[in-house]
């Protein structure tokens, strides 16, 4: 057997508490930053003009980008209004959910002492890109008005 085909797996057993707490510092810091952003957006209403800069694409070209309405969506999520959040930007709400799932998996794997490995196939990345493109195009067409923020 050569070194490439041989894998060494750690023996199962208890992981020292200090090392678990230390490994959880980065996921905890990421969660704190995201929670802080949601608290801020929940407190400073993006529906009131003057608090946040306008989307440059919308301001100069009159076109909604895939992120337009994301702050209003985050504000609605922070206030527990899922219907308003979906109306402001459904893709952002899906993104919040994906973040929550990936972060949870990350924490579980960190506690178990295993790395988080996200390695999507190119077809998945192309599919996500196509989905965002379709979302962006449809929300800018006359019949896509229900996707406007």
C-alpha atoms as a PDB file:
ATOM      1  CA  UNK A   1       0.000   0.000   0.000  1.00  0.00           C
ATOM      2  CA  UNK A   2       1.260   3.430  -0.804  1.00  0.00           C
ATOM      3  CA  UNK A   3       0.729   6.581   1.246  1.00  0.00           C
ATOM      4  CA  UNK A   4      -2.072   7.848  -1.025  1.00  0.00           C
ATOM      5  CA  UNK A   5      -4.354   4.842  -0.572  1.00  0.00           C
ATOM      6  CA  UNK A   6      -3.726   4.394   3.138  1.00  0.00           C
ATOM      7  CA  UNK A   7      -5.873   6.491   5.438  1.00  0.00           C
ATOM      8  CA  UNK A   8      -5.322   6.923   9.111  1.00  0.00           C
ATOM      9  CA  UNK A   9      -8.457   7.494  11.118  1.00  0.00           C
ATOM     10  CA  UNK A  10      -8.307   8.687  14.685  1.00  0.00           C
ATOM     11  CA  UNK A  11      -9.326   6.204  17.316  1.00  0.00           C
ATOM     12  CA  UNK A  12     -12.805   6.903  18.671  1.00  0.00           C
ATOM     13  CA  UNK A  13     -12.880   8.228  22.144  1.00  0.00           C
ATOM     14  CA  UNK A  14     -13.610  11.298  24.201  1.00  0.00           C
ATOM     15  CA  UNK A  15     -12.174  14.550  22.952  1.00  0.00           C
ATOM     16  CA  UNK A  16     -10.663  16.789  25.632  1.00  0.00           C
ATOM     17  CA  UNK A  17     -13.042  19.636  26.490  1.00  0.00           C
ATOM     18  CA  UNK A  18     -10.456  22.363  26.040  1.00  0.00           C
ATOM     19  CA  UNK A  19      -9.809  21.374  22.467  1.00  0.00           C
ATOM     20  CA  UNK A  20     -13.545  21.249  21.646  1.00  0.00           C
ATOM     21  CA  UNK A  21     -14.085  24.724  23.066  1.00  0.00           C
ATOM     22  CA  UNK A  22     -11.093  25.993  21.160  1.00  0.00           C
ATOM     23  CA  UNK A  23     -12.294  24.433  17.894  1.00  0.00           C
ATOM     24  CA  UNK A  24     -15.709  26.034  18.390  1.00  0.00           C
ATOM     25  CA  UNK A  25     -14.232  29.554  18.531  1.00  0.00           C
ATOM     26  CA  UNK A  26     -14.396  30.101  14.762  1.00  0.00           C
ATOM     27  CA  UNK A  27     -17.956  28.794  14.239  1.00  0.00           C
ATOM     28  CA  UNK A  28     -18.993  30.741  17.329  1.00  0.00           C
ATOM     29  CA  UNK A  29     -17.386  33.906  15.993  1.00  0.00           C
ATOM     30  CA  UNK A  30     -19.121  33.484  12.637  1.00  0.00           C
ATOM     31  CA  UNK A  31     -22.460  32.992  14.376  1.00  0.00           C
ATOM     32  CA  UNK A  32     -21.862  36.060  16.547  1.00  0.00           C
ATOM     33  CA  UNK A  33     -21.091  38.184  13.482  1.00  0.00           C
ATOM     34  CA  UNK A  34     -24.171  36.991  11.585  1.00  0.00           C
ATOM     35  CA  UNK A  35     -26.396  37.388  14.654  1.00  0.00           C
ATOM     36  CA  UNK A  36     -24.995  40.892  15.181  1.00  0.00           C
ATOM     37  CA  UNK A  37     -25.788  41.794  11.582  1.00  0.00           C
ATOM     38  CA  UNK A  38     -29.348  40.507  11.961  1.00  0.00           C
ATOM     39  CA  UNK A  39     -29.777  42.414  15.232  1.00  0.00           C
ATOM     40  CA  UNK A  40     -28.574  45.605  13.553  1.00  0.00           C
ATOM     41  CA  UNK A  41     -30.806  45.167  10.495  1.00  0.00           C
ATOM     42  CA  UNK A  42     -33.691  44.247  12.807  1.00  0.00           C
ATOM     43  CA  UNK A  43     -33.185  47.465  14.759  1.00  0.00           C
ATOM     44  CA  UNK A  44     -32.498  49.822  11.824  1.00  0.00           C
ATOM     45  CA  UNK A  45     -35.397  49.442   9.402  1.00  0.00           C
ATOM     46  CA  UNK A  46     -34.278  49.261   5.744  1.00  0.00           C
ATOM     47  CA  UNK A  47     -37.812  50.209   4.684  1.00  0.00           C
ATOM     48  CA  UNK A  48     -37.146  53.759   5.904  1.00  0.00           C
ATOM     49  CA  UNK A  49     -35.023  55.769   3.451  1.00  0.00           C
ATOM     50  CA  UNK A  50     -31.639  57.102   4.444  1.00  0.00           C
ATOM     51  CA  UNK A  51     -30.362  54.241   6.605  1.00  0.00           C
ATOM     52  CA  UNK A  52     -28.650  52.125   3.936  1.00  0.00           C
ATOM     53  CA  UNK A  53     -27.157  52.923   0.535  1.00  0.00           C
ATOM     54  CA  UNK A  54     -29.246  52.132  -2.522  1.00  0.00           C
ATOM     55  CA  UNK A  55     -28.363  49.209  -4.774  1.00  0.00           C
ATOM     56  CA  UNK A  56     -26.141  50.722  -7.507  1.00  0.00           C
ATOM     57  CA  UNK A  57     -27.594  48.461 -10.207  1.00  0.00           C
ATOM     58  CA  UNK A  58     -31.132  49.506  -9.302  1.00  0.00           C
ATOM     59  CA  UNK A  59     -30.214  53.170  -8.882  1.00  0.00           C
ATOM     60  CA  UNK A  60     -28.306  53.570 -12.154  1.00  0.00           C
ATOM     61  CA  UNK A  61     -29.771  50.898 -14.446  1.00  0.00           C
ATOM     62  CA  UNK A  62     -33.229  50.397 -12.948  1.00  0.00           C
ATOM     63  CA  UNK A  63     -32.663  46.630 -12.734  1.00  0.00           C
ATOM     64  CA  UNK A  64     -33.239  44.485  -9.648  1.00  0.00           C
ATOM     65  CA  UNK A  65     -30.181  42.369  -8.813  1.00  0.00           C
ATOM     66  CA  UNK A  66     -30.522  39.003  -7.027  1.00  0.00           C
ATOM     67  CA  UNK A  67     -29.703  40.723  -3.729  1.00  0.00           C
ATOM     68  CA  UNK A  68     -32.229  43.560  -3.991  1.00  0.00           C
ATOM     69  CA  UNK A  69     -34.594  43.303  -1.057  1.00  0.00           C
ATOM     70  CA  UNK A  70     -32.135  41.232   0.983  1.00  0.00           C
ATOM     71  CA  UNK A  71     -31.950  43.776   3.814  1.00  0.00           C
ATOM     72  CA  UNK A  72     -35.754  44.054   3.938  1.00  0.00           C
ATOM     73  CA  UNK A  73     -35.870  40.272   3.969  1.00  0.00           C
ATOM     74  CA  UNK A  74     -33.383  40.082   6.850  1.00  0.00           C
ATOM     75  CA  UNK A  75     -35.381  42.736   8.732  1.00  0.00           C
ATOM     76  CA  UNK A  76     -38.556  40.700   8.298  1.00  0.00           C
ATOM     77  CA  UNK A  77     -36.800  37.502   9.433  1.00  0.00           C
ATOM     78  CA  UNK A  78     -35.465  39.329  12.493  1.00  0.00           C
ATOM     79  CA  UNK A  79     -39.046  40.290  13.335  1.00  0.00           C
ATOM     80  CA  UNK A  80     -40.392  36.795  12.676  1.00  0.00           C
ATOM     81  CA  UNK A  81     -42.383  37.729   9.557  1.00  0.00           C
ATOM     82  CA  UNK A  82     -41.517  34.926   7.134  1.00  0.00           C
ATOM     83  CA  UNK A  83     -44.181  35.909   4.581  1.00  0.00           C
ATOM     84  CA  UNK A  84     -42.801  39.454   4.296  1.00  0.00           C
ATOM     85  CA  UNK A  85     -39.251  38.047   4.138  1.00  0.00           C
ATOM     86  CA  UNK A  86     -40.177  35.761   1.240  1.00  0.00           C
ATOM     87  CA  UNK A  87     -41.886  38.681  -0.493  1.00  0.00           C
ATOM     88  CA  UNK A  88     -38.838  40.906  -0.145  1.00  0.00           C
ATOM     89  CA  UNK A  89     -36.328  38.344  -1.459  1.00  0.00           C
ATOM     90  CA  UNK A  90     -37.135  34.629  -1.517  1.00  0.00           C
ATOM     91  CA  UNK A  91     -33.604  33.696  -2.591  1.00  0.00           C
ATOM     92  CA  UNK A  92     -32.168  35.477   0.455  1.00  0.00           C
ATOM     93  CA  UNK A  93     -34.479  33.514   2.753  1.00  0.00           C
ATOM     94  CA  UNK A  94     -33.277  30.283   1.167  1.00  0.00           C
ATOM     95  CA  UNK A  95     -29.722  31.546   1.706  1.00  0.00           C
ATOM     96  CA  UNK A  96     -30.420  32.149   5.406  1.00  0.00           C
ATOM     97  CA  UNK A  97     -31.752  28.602   5.703  1.00  0.00           C
ATOM     98  CA  UNK A  98     -28.750  27.131   3.866  1.00  0.00           C
ATOM     99  CA  UNK A  99     -26.416  29.080   6.155  1.00  0.00           C
ATOM    100  CA  UNK A 100     -28.210  27.727   9.239  1.00  0.00           C
ATOM    101  CA  UNK A 101     -27.967  24.135   8.010  1.00  0.00           C
ATOM    102  CA  UNK A 102     -24.303  24.399   6.964  1.00  0.00           C
ATOM    103  CA  UNK A 103     -23.374  26.126  10.225  1.00  0.00           C
ATOM    104  CA  UNK A 104     -25.120  23.412  12.255  1.00  0.00           C
ATOM    105  CA  UNK A 105     -23.350  20.649  10.325  1.00  0.00           C
ATOM    106  CA  UNK A 106     -20.080  22.550  10.807  1.00  0.00           C
ATOM    107  CA  UNK A 107     -20.574  22.694  14.588  1.00  0.00           C
ATOM    108  CA  UNK A 108     -21.519  19.018  14.820  1.00  0.00           C
ATOM    109  CA  UNK A 109     -18.481  17.965  12.793  1.00  0.00           C
ATOM    110  CA  UNK A 110     -16.240  20.289  14.813  1.00  0.00           C
ATOM    111  CA  UNK A 111     -17.422  18.759  18.079  1.00  0.00           C
ATOM    112  CA  UNK A 112     -16.748  15.304  16.618  1.00  0.00           C
ATOM    113  CA  UNK A 113     -13.251  16.428  15.635  1.00  0.00           C
ATOM    114  CA  UNK A 114     -13.909  16.078  11.899  1.00  0.00           C
ATOM    115  CA  UNK A 115     -13.392  18.816   9.290  1.00  0.00           C
ATOM    116  CA  UNK A 116     -16.242  20.339   7.325  1.00  0.00           C
ATOM    117  CA  UNK A 117     -15.742  19.543   3.682  1.00  0.00           C
ATOM    118  CA  UNK A 118     -17.944  21.325   1.162  1.00  0.00           C
ATOM    119  CA  UNK A 119     -17.031  20.243  -2.333  1.00  0.00           C
ATOM    120  CA  UNK A 120     -20.002  20.721  -4.690  1.00  0.00           C
ATOM    121  CA  UNK A 121     -19.796  19.332  -8.187  1.00  0.00           C
ATOM    122  CA  UNK A 122     -19.455  21.848 -11.002  1.00  0.00           C
ATOM    123  CA  UNK A 123     -22.951  20.904 -12.177  1.00  0.00           C
ATOM    124  CA  UNK A 124     -24.363  22.005  -8.811  1.00  0.00           C
ATOM    125  CA  UNK A 125     -22.549  25.341  -9.016  1.00  0.00           C
ATOM    126  CA  UNK A 126     -23.726  25.880 -12.604  1.00  0.00           C
ATOM    127  CA  UNK A 127     -27.264  24.976 -11.533  1.00  0.00           C
ATOM    128  CA  UNK A 128     -27.198  27.498  -8.685  1.00  0.00           C
ATOM    129  CA  UNK A 129     -25.834  30.145 -11.031  1.00  0.00           C
ATOM    130  CA  UNK A 130     -28.578  29.385 -13.558  1.00  0.00           C
ATOM    131  CA  UNK A 131     -31.206  29.575 -10.817  1.00  0.00           C
ATOM    132  CA  UNK A 132     -29.945  33.012  -9.733  1.00  0.00           C
ATOM    133  CA  UNK A 133     -29.868  34.163 -13.350  1.00  0.00           C
ATOM    134  CA  UNK A 134     -33.456  33.006 -13.951  1.00  0.00           C
ATOM    135  CA  UNK A 135     -34.572  34.632 -10.674  1.00  0.00           C
ATOM    136  CA  UNK A 136     -32.896  37.903 -11.699  1.00  0.00           C
ATOM    137  CA  UNK A 137     -34.341  37.908 -15.212  1.00  0.00           C
ATOM    138  CA  UNK A 138     -37.873  36.946 -14.135  1.00  0.00           C
ATOM    139  CA  UNK A 139     -38.020  39.534 -11.368  1.00  0.00           C
ATOM    140  CA  UNK A 140     -37.183  42.236 -13.948  1.00  0.00           C
ATOM    141  CA  UNK A 141     -39.812  41.189 -16.490  1.00  0.00           C
ATOM    142  CA  UNK A 142     -43.371  42.598 -16.423  1.00  0.00           C
ATOM    143  CA  UNK A 143     -44.920  39.287 -15.299  1.00  0.00           C
ATOM    144  CA  UNK A 144     -42.300  38.914 -12.534  1.00  0.00           C
ATOM    145  CA  UNK A 145     -43.561  41.857 -10.518  1.00  0.00           C
ATOM    146  CA  UNK A 146     -44.466  39.528  -7.658  1.00  0.00           C
ATOM    147  CA  UNK A 147     -40.691  38.985  -7.179  1.00  0.00           C
ATOM    148  CA  UNK A 148     -39.936  42.713  -6.779  1.00  0.00           C
ATOM    149  CA  UNK A 149     -38.736  43.703  -3.309  1.00  0.00           C
END
